[in-house]
């Protein structure tokens, strides 16, 4: 997809994957799912689909379960990761419900088969859903332990032939350090994949960044808490960091 406005609607990308953390669905709560925050994200997704963009999502599970912390508490890492994958299915179902409340046709596709509540992930079927303007939520990560939902997002974006991978976070881009903890943190407008990897910047984990780099998919990091931020970043407006 070229950087010109090919369809008259002002956006640059025709098919995108939005990755949001489970934590971003907590709102002001200590854990769990805040219905208001889920509804706000769903509205942002709807606004982008209404522009004619095909949208898929990957949602983390950290608001319900954190695999690594479970391992630290004496749980085997693989078991903790599987529990984390199940947490992402719960978040995906919450998001599906919020999107369908807005009359958006939505499908949840899980890498772990849970046929009672969602479809199994089948690449060609997922492509078909996107072509039919359905929002596809990819759940359960890659279906394998030891891989993060960031890596799952980069993998699904590659498989779907997405023209961009968007990471909606609690801050408006990539910083040299955590801006919530370090007031001297420097914000970047643009980075190369190699800069992110060599400087170990906390954009996404290294395997996710490497996968995006291999498939030439730009990563755009922006604040999902900023109303209308998703739509603006697709037009390259507002505050965001692009990794390319």
Foldseek 3Di string as FASTA:
>chain_A
DDQDDPPPLLFRWAEEEEEEELVQQQVPHPADGDLVSLLLLLVLVVVQLVSNHQYEYEYWQVRPADLVVVVVVVDPSFVSLQVRLVSRVVVVLSNCVSNVVVVAAEFEAECDDPPVRHHHDDLVVVLVCSVVSHYYYYGSQNVGGPDGNLLSQLVSCLSNVTQAYEYAYQAAEWWLDPCVVDVPIHGAAEEELVCCVVSVTVPDDNNSSVSCVVSVHKYKYGHSVPRNTSVQVSSVDDGIHIYD
